Amino acid sequence: LTDWLMEVIRHRQSRSQEQIRHNIRAGLDECIRTGTTALGDISGGGASWEILADSSIRSVVFHEIIGLKPERARASWETFQHWADTREDRPHCRKGVSPHAPYSTGRWLYARAAEWNLPLATHWAESREEEDLLRHQRGCFVPFLQQVGAWEPEQLGSPEELLGLCQRASPCL
């Protein structure tokens, strides 16, 4: 999983904003063409909001937040708050929040996200290695997080703690 995550990071860093918008439009067109009637989009930076808000499909745009290190978590949270404060829900398009995953998002961000009373989505229990990280702060995620400059073991929450925080939100996916 960590090798794949490194490829995802490289891919995301290589794309322009125009490429991202093009891909969002292409994905939306495919959804509509194949009969999709509702969409939940976990969106880096909330990038899909304008496109989905202007479409006719029912959707929730889950603005992704990420960060174990306090400075990264605060910056991600401030970006989300600005995004959420400057968008109005539409009858067919709602705002949501997405703490990325327990291995990349600390308990502070999970708690803030749950307090906003928005739909919440998170990646959960993707591998046994993730549980080993959360319970024992060991395994393949440790060197991965160190390599990307995100290692902050004090911010990791237990699966039970983070799930409890998520369940404060409604709905929680």
N, C-alpha and C. Protein backbone atom coordinates (compact mmCIF):
# COMPACT_ATOMS: atom_id res chain seq x y z
N LEU A 1 0.83 -1.20 0.00
CA LEU A 1 0.00 0.00 0.00
C LEU A 1 0.87 1.26 0.00
N THR A 2 1.96 1.27 0.76
CA THR A 2 2.76 2.49 0.84
C THR A 2 3.46 2.79 -0.49
N ASP A 3 3.85 1.75 -1.26
CA ASP A 3 4.44 2.00 -2.58
C ASP A 3 3.40 2.67 -3.49
N TRP A 4 2.18 2.16 -3.45
CA TRP A 4 1.10 2.74 -4.25
C TRP A 4 0.82 4.18 -3.81
N LEU A 5 0.80 4.43 -2.50
CA LEU A 5 0.57 5.79 -2.00
C LEU A 5 1.63 6.75 -2.51
N MET A 6 2.88 6.31 -2.57
CA MET A 6 3.94 7.17 -3.08
C MET A 6 3.68 7.50 -4.55
N GLU A 7 3.19 6.54 -5.32
CA GLU A 7 2.85 6.80 -6.72
C GLU A 7 1.69 7.79 -6.82
N VAL A 8 0.70 7.68 -5.95
CA VAL A 8 -0.43 8.61 -5.95
C VAL A 8 0.08 10.02 -5.66
N ILE A 9 0.96 10.16 -4.69
CA ILE A 9 1.51 11.48 -4.35
C ILE A 9 2.24 12.07 -5.55
N ARG A 10 3.08 11.28 -6.19
CA ARG A 10 3.82 11.77 -7.37
C ARG A 10 2.85 12.18 -8.48
N HIS A 11 1.85 11.36 -8.71
CA HIS A 11 0.87 11.67 -9.76
C HIS A 11 0.15 12.98 -9.46
N ARG A 12 -0.32 13.15 -8.24
CA ARG A 12 -1.04 14.38 -7.88
C ARG A 12 -0.16 15.61 -8.04
N GLN A 13 1.11 15.48 -7.70
CA GLN A 13 2.02 16.62 -7.79
C GLN A 13 2.36 16.98 -9.24
N SER A 14 2.14 16.05 -10.15
CA SER A 14 2.51 16.29 -11.55
C SER A 14 1.40 16.92 -12.37
N ARG A 15 0.20 17.07 -11.80
CA ARG A 15 -0.95 17.52 -12.58
C ARG A 15 -1.23 19.01 -12.38
N SER A 16 -1.61 19.66 -13.48
CA SER A 16 -1.97 21.07 -13.42
C SER A 16 -3.43 21.20 -12.99
N GLN A 17 -3.81 22.40 -12.59
CA GLN A 17 -5.20 22.65 -12.22
C GLN A 17 -6.13 22.41 -13.40
N GLU A 18 -5.69 22.76 -14.60
CA GLU A 18 -6.53 22.53 -15.79
C GLU A 18 -6.72 21.04 -16.04
N GLN A 19 -5.68 20.24 -15.85
CA GLN A 19 -5.82 18.78 -16.00
C GLN A 19 -6.81 18.23 -14.97
N ILE A 20 -6.74 18.73 -13.77
CA ILE A 20 -7.65 18.28 -12.71
C ILE A 20 -9.08 18.62 -13.09
N ARG A 21 -9.33 19.86 -13.51
CA ARG A 21 -10.69 20.26 -13.91
C ARG A 21 -11.19 19.42 -15.09
N HIS A 22 -10.33 19.17 -16.05
CA HIS A 22 -10.70 18.33 -17.20
C HIS A 22 -11.11 16.94 -16.74
N ASN A 23 -10.34 16.36 -15.84
CA ASN A 23 -10.65 15.01 -15.35
C ASN A 23 -11.94 14.99 -14.54
N ILE A 24 -12.21 16.03 -13.78
CA ILE A 24 -13.47 16.10 -13.02
C ILE A 24 -14.64 16.16 -13.99
N ARG A 25 -14.54 17.01 -15.01
CA ARG A 25 -15.62 17.10 -16.01
C ARG A 25 -15.82 15.77 -16.73
N ALA A 26 -14.73 15.11 -17.11
CA ALA A 26 -14.83 13.82 -17.80
C ALA A 26 -15.47 12.77 -16.89
N GLY A 27 -15.11 12.77 -15.63
CA GLY A 27 -15.72 11.82 -14.69
C GLY A 27 -17.19 12.09 -14.49
N LEU A 28 -17.57 13.35 -14.38
CA LEU A 28 -18.97 13.72 -14.24
C LEU A 28 -19.76 13.31 -15.48
N ASP A 29 -19.22 13.59 -16.66
CA ASP A 29 -19.89 13.20 -17.90
C ASP A 29 -20.11 11.68 -17.95
N GLU A 30 -19.11 10.92 -17.53
CA GLU A 30 -19.25 9.47 -17.52
C GLU A 30 -20.32 9.03 -16.53
N CYS A 31 -20.37 9.64 -15.37
CA CYS A 31 -21.40 9.30 -14.38
C CYS A 31 -22.79 9.55 -14.95
N ILE A 32 -23.00 10.70 -15.55
CA ILE A 32 -24.31 11.04 -16.11
C ILE A 32 -24.66 10.09 -17.26
N ARG A 33 -23.70 9.83 -18.13
CA ARG A 33 -23.92 8.95 -19.27
C ARG A 33 -24.30 7.52 -18.85
N THR A 34 -23.78 7.06 -17.71
CA THR A 34 -24.04 5.69 -17.27
C THR A 34 -25.19 5.59 -16.27
N GLY A 35 -25.89 6.70 -16.04
CA GLY A 35 -27.10 6.66 -15.22
C GLY A 35 -26.91 6.91 -13.74
N THR A 36 -25.76 7.37 -13.33
CA THR A 36 -25.55 7.69 -11.92
C THR A 36 -26.47 8.84 -11.54
N THR A 37 -27.13 8.73 -10.38
CA THR A 37 -28.06 9.78 -9.96
C THR A 37 -27.57 10.56 -8.74
N ALA A 38 -26.58 10.03 -8.04
CA ALA A 38 -26.05 10.73 -6.87
C ALA A 38 -24.57 10.41 -6.76
N LEU A 39 -23.80 11.38 -6.28
CA LEU A 39 -22.36 11.25 -6.27
C LEU A 39 -21.80 11.81 -4.97
N GLY A 40 -20.90 11.08 -4.35
CA GLY A 40 -20.12 11.58 -3.22
C GLY A 40 -18.68 11.67 -3.69
N ASP A 41 -18.12 12.86 -3.75
CA ASP A 41 -16.78 13.05 -4.29
C ASP A 41 -15.83 13.52 -3.21
N ILE A 42 -14.84 12.69 -2.88
CA ILE A 42 -13.76 13.12 -2.00
C ILE A 42 -12.81 13.92 -2.87
N SER A 43 -12.69 15.19 -2.56
CA SER A 43 -12.08 16.15 -3.47
C SER A 43 -10.92 16.89 -2.81
N GLY A 44 -9.72 16.70 -3.36
CA GLY A 44 -8.58 17.46 -2.87
C GLY A 44 -8.82 18.95 -3.03
N GLY A 45 -8.82 19.66 -1.93
CA GLY A 45 -9.04 21.11 -1.99
C GLY A 45 -10.45 21.52 -2.38
N GLY A 46 -11.35 20.56 -2.46
CA GLY A 46 -12.72 20.88 -2.87
C GLY A 46 -12.80 21.26 -4.34
N ALA A 47 -11.83 20.80 -5.13
CA ALA A 47 -11.71 21.22 -6.53
C ALA A 47 -12.92 20.92 -7.38
N SER A 48 -13.72 19.94 -7.01
CA SER A 48 -14.86 19.57 -7.85
C SER A 48 -16.12 20.39 -7.57
N TRP A 49 -16.08 21.26 -6.57
CA TRP A 49 -17.29 21.98 -6.15
C TRP A 49 -17.96 22.74 -7.30
N GLU A 50 -17.22 23.61 -7.96
CA GLU A 50 -17.83 24.45 -8.99
C GLU A 50 -18.47 23.62 -10.10
N ILE A 51 -17.79 22.56 -10.50
CA ILE A 51 -18.30 21.72 -11.58
C ILE A 51 -19.55 20.96 -11.14
N LEU A 52 -19.51 20.36 -9.96
CA LEU A 52 -20.67 19.62 -9.48
C LEU A 52 -21.82 20.54 -9.09
N ALA A 53 -21.52 21.68 -8.51
CA ALA A 53 -22.59 22.62 -8.14
C ALA A 53 -23.32 23.15 -9.37
N ASP A 54 -22.63 23.23 -10.49
CA ASP A 54 -23.25 23.71 -11.73
C ASP A 54 -23.92 22.59 -12.53
N SER A 55 -23.79 21.35 -12.08
CA SER A 55 -24.39 20.23 -12.80
C SER A 55 -25.78 19.94 -12.22
N SER A 56 -26.46 19.00 -12.82
CA SER A 56 -27.80 18.63 -12.33
C SER A 56 -27.77 17.40 -11.43
N ILE A 57 -26.62 16.77 -11.26
CA ILE A 57 -26.53 15.55 -10.46
C ILE A 57 -26.53 15.89 -8.97
N ARG A 58 -27.22 15.05 -8.18
CA ARG A 58 -27.19 15.24 -6.72
C ARG A 58 -25.81 14.81 -6.22
N SER A 59 -25.20 15.65 -5.36
CA SER A 59 -23.84 15.35 -4.94
C SER A 59 -23.51 15.94 -3.58
N VAL A 60 -22.50 15.33 -2.98
CA VAL A 60 -21.83 15.89 -1.81
C VAL A 60 -20.36 15.97 -2.18
N VAL A 61 -19.77 17.14 -2.01
CA VAL A 61 -18.35 17.33 -2.24
C VAL A 61 -17.67 17.29 -0.88
N PHE A 62 -16.91 16.23 -0.64
CA PHE A 62 -16.18 16.05 0.62
C PHE A 62 -14.79 16.66 0.45
N HIS A 63 -14.59 17.84 1.03
CA HIS A 63 -13.28 18.51 0.96
C HIS A 63 -12.30 17.71 1.81
N GLU A 64 -11.24 17.21 1.18
CA GLU A 64 -10.27 16.38 1.89
C GLU A 64 -9.34 17.22 2.74
N ILE A 65 -9.15 16.78 3.99
CA ILE A 65 -8.19 17.41 4.89
C ILE A 65 -7.18 16.34 5.30
N ILE A 66 -5.97 16.77 5.58
CA ILE A 66 -4.89 15.82 5.86
C ILE A 66 -3.85 16.49 6.75
N GLY A 67 -3.22 15.70 7.60
CA GLY A 67 -2.11 16.22 8.38
C GLY A 67 -1.97 15.55 9.73
N LEU A 68 -0.79 15.02 9.96
CA LEU A 68 -0.43 14.54 11.30
C LEU A 68 0.36 15.61 12.04
N LYS A 69 1.30 16.24 11.35
CA LYS A 69 2.08 17.30 11.99
C LYS A 69 1.16 18.50 12.25
N PRO A 70 1.25 19.09 13.42
CA PRO A 70 0.33 20.18 13.77
C PRO A 70 0.28 21.31 12.75
N GLU A 71 1.42 21.74 12.21
CA GLU A 71 1.40 22.85 11.25
C GLU A 71 0.69 22.46 9.96
N ARG A 72 0.88 21.24 9.50
CA ARG A 72 0.19 20.76 8.29
C ARG A 72 -1.30 20.62 8.56
N ALA A 73 -1.66 20.10 9.74
CA ALA A 73 -3.07 19.94 10.10
C ALA A 73 -3.76 21.30 10.17
N ARG A 74 -3.13 22.27 10.80
CA ARG A 74 -3.73 23.61 10.90
C ARG A 74 -3.91 24.24 9.53
N ALA A 75 -2.92 24.13 8.66
CA ALA A 75 -3.02 24.70 7.32
C ALA A 75 -4.15 24.03 6.54
N SER A 76 -4.25 22.71 6.65
CA SER A 76 -5.31 21.99 5.96
C SER A 76 -6.68 22.42 6.49
N TRP A 77 -6.78 22.58 7.80
CA TRP A 77 -8.04 22.98 8.41
C TRP A 77 -8.43 24.39 7.99
N GLU A 78 -7.48 25.31 7.97
CA GLU A 78 -7.77 26.68 7.56
C GLU A 78 -8.23 26.74 6.10
N THR A 79 -7.61 25.93 5.25
CA THR A 79 -8.03 25.87 3.85
C THR A 79 -9.46 25.35 3.75
N PHE A 80 -9.77 24.29 4.50
CA PHE A 80 -11.13 23.76 4.51
C PHE A 80 -12.12 24.81 5.00
N GLN A 81 -11.83 25.46 6.12
CA GLN A 81 -12.75 26.46 6.68
C GLN A 81 -13.05 27.56 5.66
N HIS A 82 -12.02 28.06 5.00
CA HIS A 82 -12.24 29.10 3.99
C HIS A 82 -13.13 28.57 2.88
N TRP A 83 -12.84 27.38 2.42
CA TRP A 83 -13.64 26.76 1.35
C TRP A 83 -15.10 26.63 1.81
N ALA A 84 -15.31 26.07 2.99
CA ALA A 84 -16.68 25.85 3.49
C ALA A 84 -17.42 27.16 3.72
N ASP A 85 -16.72 28.16 4.21
CA ASP A 85 -17.35 29.45 4.50
C ASP A 85 -17.72 30.22 3.24
N THR A 86 -17.09 29.91 2.12
CA THR A 86 -17.33 30.68 0.90
C THR A 86 -18.20 29.92 -0.12
N ARG A 87 -18.79 28.83 0.29
CA ARG A 87 -19.69 28.07 -0.59
C ARG A 87 -21.04 27.90 0.07
N GLU A 88 -22.07 28.09 -0.71
CA GLU A 88 -23.44 27.88 -0.24
C GLU A 88 -23.93 26.54 -0.75
N ASP A 89 -24.47 25.72 0.15
CA ASP A 89 -25.10 24.49 -0.30
C ASP A 89 -26.17 24.82 -1.33
N ARG A 90 -26.34 23.96 -2.27
CA ARG A 90 -27.40 24.09 -3.27
C ARG A 90 -28.36 22.93 -3.06
N PRO A 91 -29.56 23.01 -3.59
CA PRO A 91 -30.51 21.91 -3.37
C PRO A 91 -29.97 20.55 -3.80
N HIS A 92 -29.12 20.53 -4.81
CA HIS A 92 -28.61 19.27 -5.33
C HIS A 92 -27.13 19.05 -5.01
N CYS A 93 -26.46 19.99 -4.36
CA CYS A 93 -25.02 19.87 -4.09
C CYS A 93 -24.73 20.39 -2.68
N ARG A 94 -24.18 19.49 -1.85
CA ARG A 94 -23.89 19.85 -0.46
C ARG A 94 -22.39 19.78 -0.17
N LYS A 95 -21.98 20.53 0.84
CA LYS A 95 -20.60 20.48 1.32
C LYS A 95 -20.45 19.31 2.28
N GLY A 96 -19.26 18.71 2.27
CA GLY A 96 -18.89 17.68 3.23
C GLY A 96 -17.41 17.83 3.56
N VAL A 97 -16.96 17.03 4.50
CA VAL A 97 -15.55 17.07 4.91
C VAL A 97 -15.01 15.65 4.93
N SER A 98 -13.74 15.50 4.56
CA SER A 98 -13.13 14.18 4.51
C SER A 98 -11.74 14.17 5.14
N PRO A 99 -11.66 13.81 6.44
CA PRO A 99 -10.33 13.52 6.98
C PRO A 99 -9.78 12.35 6.16
N HIS A 100 -8.62 12.51 5.56
CA HIS A 100 -8.15 11.53 4.57
C HIS A 100 -8.19 10.10 5.09
N ALA A 101 -7.39 9.78 6.08
CA ALA A 101 -7.31 8.41 6.61
C ALA A 101 -6.60 8.47 7.96
N PRO A 102 -6.83 7.47 8.82
CA PRO A 102 -6.19 7.49 10.13
C PRO A 102 -4.66 7.51 10.11
N TYR A 103 -4.03 7.00 9.05
CA TYR A 103 -2.57 7.01 8.99
C TYR A 103 -2.02 8.36 8.54
N SER A 104 -2.87 9.25 8.04
CA SER A 104 -2.38 10.52 7.50
C SER A 104 -3.05 11.73 8.14
N THR A 105 -4.00 11.51 9.01
CA THR A 105 -4.77 12.60 9.60
C THR A 105 -4.86 12.37 11.10
N GLY A 106 -4.42 13.35 11.86
CA GLY A 106 -4.39 13.22 13.31
C GLY A 106 -5.74 13.40 13.97
N ARG A 107 -5.76 13.03 15.24
CA ARG A 107 -7.01 13.10 16.01
C ARG A 107 -7.56 14.52 16.07
N TRP A 108 -6.70 15.54 16.08
CA TRP A 108 -7.17 16.93 16.14
C TRP A 108 -8.04 17.24 14.93
N LEU A 109 -7.59 16.85 13.72
CA LEU A 109 -8.38 17.11 12.52
C LEU A 109 -9.67 16.31 12.50
N TYR A 110 -9.62 15.05 12.93
CA TYR A 110 -10.85 14.25 13.00
C TYR A 110 -11.87 14.92 13.92
N ALA A 111 -11.40 15.42 15.06
CA ALA A 111 -12.31 16.07 16.01
C ALA A 111 -12.91 17.34 15.41
N ARG A 112 -12.08 18.18 14.76
CA ARG A 112 -12.60 19.40 14.14
C ARG A 112 -13.63 19.06 13.06
N ALA A 113 -13.33 18.07 12.24
CA ALA A 113 -14.24 17.69 11.16
C ALA A 113 -15.59 17.25 11.70
N ALA A 114 -15.58 16.46 12.76
CA ALA A 114 -16.83 15.95 13.33
C ALA A 114 -17.68 17.07 13.93
N GLU A 115 -17.04 18.13 14.41
CA GLU A 115 -17.76 19.23 15.05
C GLU A 115 -18.56 20.07 14.05
N TRP A 116 -18.26 19.99 12.77
CA TRP A 116 -18.89 20.87 11.79
C TRP A 116 -20.27 20.44 11.37
N ASN A 117 -20.73 19.30 11.80
CA ASN A 117 -22.07 18.83 11.47
C ASN A 117 -22.32 18.80 9.96
N LEU A 118 -21.31 18.32 9.25
CA LEU A 118 -21.42 18.11 7.81
C LEU A 118 -21.30 16.62 7.53
N PRO A 119 -21.76 16.17 6.38
CA PRO A 119 -21.46 14.79 6.01
C PRO A 119 -19.94 14.59 6.05
N LEU A 120 -19.52 13.44 6.56
CA LEU A 120 -18.10 13.15 6.72
C LEU A 120 -17.79 11.82 6.04
N ALA A 121 -16.69 11.78 5.30
CA ALA A 121 -16.23 10.54 4.66
C ALA A 121 -14.74 10.39 4.95
N THR A 122 -14.32 9.16 5.19
CA THR A 122 -12.90 8.89 5.43
C THR A 122 -12.55 7.51 4.91
N HIS A 123 -11.31 7.34 4.52
CA HIS A 123 -10.82 6.01 4.17
C HIS A 123 -10.55 5.30 5.48
N TRP A 124 -10.99 4.06 5.60
CA TRP A 124 -10.90 3.38 6.88
C TRP A 124 -10.44 1.95 6.71
N ALA A 125 -9.53 1.50 7.56
CA ALA A 125 -9.09 0.10 7.65
C ALA A 125 -8.70 -0.45 6.28
N GLU A 126 -7.82 0.26 5.60
CA GLU A 126 -7.41 -0.17 4.26
C GLU A 126 -6.43 -1.33 4.28
N SER A 127 -5.75 -1.53 5.41
CA SER A 127 -4.79 -2.63 5.48
C SER A 127 -4.50 -2.99 6.94
N ARG A 128 -3.98 -4.18 7.12
CA ARG A 128 -3.53 -4.58 8.46
C ARG A 128 -2.38 -3.70 8.94
N GLU A 129 -1.57 -3.24 7.99
CA GLU A 129 -0.44 -2.38 8.34
C GLU A 129 -0.90 -1.06 8.97
N GLU A 130 -2.06 -0.58 8.52
CA GLU A 130 -2.61 0.64 9.10
C GLU A 130 -2.96 0.41 10.57
N GLU A 131 -3.57 -0.71 10.87
CA GLU A 131 -3.91 -1.02 12.26
C GLU A 131 -2.65 -1.17 13.11
N ASP A 132 -1.60 -1.79 12.55
CA ASP A 132 -0.34 -1.94 13.27
C ASP A 132 0.25 -0.55 13.58
N LEU A 133 0.15 0.36 12.63
CA LEU A 133 0.62 1.72 12.87
C LEU A 133 -0.17 2.38 13.99
N LEU A 134 -1.49 2.31 13.92
CA LEU A 134 -2.33 3.01 14.90
C LEU A 134 -2.20 2.42 16.30
N ARG A 135 -2.08 1.12 16.39
CA ARG A 135 -2.02 0.48 17.71
C ARG A 135 -0.61 0.45 18.31
N HIS A 136 0.42 0.34 17.44
CA HIS A 136 1.77 0.10 17.96
C HIS A 136 2.83 1.05 17.41
N GLN A 137 2.46 1.97 16.52
CA GLN A 137 3.40 2.91 15.90
C GLN A 137 4.60 2.18 15.29
N ARG A 138 4.30 1.14 14.51
CA ARG A 138 5.36 0.38 13.84
C ARG A 138 4.84 -0.11 12.49
N GLY A 139 5.74 -0.66 11.70
CA GLY A 139 5.37 -1.25 10.42
C GLY A 139 5.77 -0.36 9.26
N CYS A 140 5.31 -0.73 8.06
CA CYS A 140 5.74 -0.07 6.82
C CYS A 140 5.30 1.38 6.71
N PHE A 141 4.28 1.78 7.47
CA PHE A 141 3.84 3.18 7.39
C PHE A 141 4.84 4.13 8.06
N VAL A 142 5.62 3.63 9.02
CA VAL A 142 6.57 4.51 9.72
C VAL A 142 7.60 5.07 8.74
N PRO A 143 8.35 4.24 7.99
CA PRO A 143 9.31 4.83 7.05
C PRO A 143 8.63 5.64 5.94
N PHE A 144 7.46 5.22 5.51
CA PHE A 144 6.73 5.99 4.50
C PHE A 144 6.42 7.39 5.02
N LEU A 145 5.85 7.49 6.21
CA LEU A 145 5.51 8.80 6.77
C LEU A 145 6.76 9.62 7.04
N GLN A 146 7.85 8.98 7.45
CA GLN A 146 9.11 9.70 7.63
C GLN A 146 9.60 10.24 6.30
N GLN A 147 9.52 9.43 5.25
CA GLN A 147 9.99 9.83 3.93
C GLN A 147 9.24 11.05 3.40
N VAL A 148 7.94 11.11 3.63
CA VAL A 148 7.16 12.25 3.13
C VAL A 148 7.09 13.40 4.13
N GLY A 149 7.84 13.29 5.23
CA GLY A 149 7.90 14.37 6.22
C GLY A 149 6.65 14.53 7.05
N ALA A 150 5.93 13.42 7.26
CA ALA A 150 4.65 13.51 7.97
C ALA A 150 4.62 12.70 9.26
N TRP A 151 5.72 12.16 9.69
CA TRP A 151 5.73 11.30 10.87
C TRP A 151 5.54 12.11 12.14
N GLU A 152 4.46 11.86 12.85
CA GLU A 152 4.12 12.54 14.10
C GLU A 152 3.31 11.56 14.94
N PRO A 153 3.98 10.58 15.57
CA PRO A 153 3.25 9.50 16.25
C PRO A 153 2.32 9.98 17.37
N GLU A 154 2.61 11.12 17.97
CA GLU A 154 1.75 11.62 19.04
C GLU A 154 0.36 11.99 18.55
N GLN A 155 0.23 12.25 17.26
CA GLN A 155 -1.06 12.65 16.70
C GLN A 155 -1.92 11.49 16.22
N LEU A 156 -1.32 10.29 16.19
CA LEU A 156 -2.10 9.13 15.75
C LEU A 156 -3.13 8.78 16.82
N GLY A 157 -4.33 8.51 16.39
CA GLY A 157 -5.37 8.07 17.31
C GLY A 157 -5.58 6.57 17.16
N SER A 158 -6.16 5.97 18.17
CA SER A 158 -6.50 4.56 18.06
C SER A 158 -7.70 4.42 17.12
N PRO A 159 -7.89 3.24 16.52
CA PRO A 159 -9.07 3.07 15.68
C PRO A 159 -10.37 3.38 16.43
N GLU A 160 -10.46 2.97 17.69
CA GLU A 160 -11.68 3.22 18.46
C GLU A 160 -11.90 4.70 18.70
N GLU A 161 -10.83 5.43 19.03
CA GLU A 161 -10.95 6.87 19.28
C GLU A 161 -11.39 7.61 18.01
N LEU A 162 -10.74 7.32 16.90
CA LEU A 162 -11.05 8.03 15.66
C LEU A 162 -12.44 7.67 15.15
N LEU A 163 -12.82 6.41 15.26
CA LEU A 163 -14.16 6.01 14.84
C LEU A 163 -15.21 6.70 15.71
N GLY A 164 -14.94 6.81 17.00
CA GLY A 164 -15.86 7.53 17.89
C GLY A 164 -16.03 8.98 17.46
N LEU A 165 -14.92 9.63 17.06
CA LEU A 165 -15.01 11.00 16.58
C LEU A 165 -15.84 11.08 15.30
N CYS A 166 -15.58 10.15 14.37
CA CYS A 166 -16.32 10.14 13.09
C CYS A 166 -17.82 9.98 13.32
N GLN A 167 -18.19 9.18 14.28
CA GLN A 167 -19.60 8.89 14.49
C GLN A 167 -20.37 10.08 15.05
N ARG A 168 -19.67 11.14 15.44
CA ARG A 168 -20.36 12.36 15.86
C ARG A 168 -20.97 13.09 14.67
N ALA A 169 -20.40 12.84 13.48
CA ALA A 169 -20.89 13.49 12.26
C ALA A 169 -22.09 12.72 11.73
N SER A 170 -22.91 13.43 10.96
CA SER A 170 -24.08 12.76 10.40
C SER A 170 -24.34 13.28 9.01
N PRO A 171 -24.31 12.46 8.02
CA PRO A 171 -23.94 11.04 8.07
C PRO A 171 -22.44 10.88 8.08
N CYS A 172 -21.99 9.68 8.41
CA CYS A 172 -20.58 9.33 8.41
C CYS A 172 -20.38 8.17 7.47
N LEU A 173 -19.53 8.37 6.49
CA LEU A 173 -19.20 7.30 5.54
C LEU A 173 -17.78 6.86 5.75
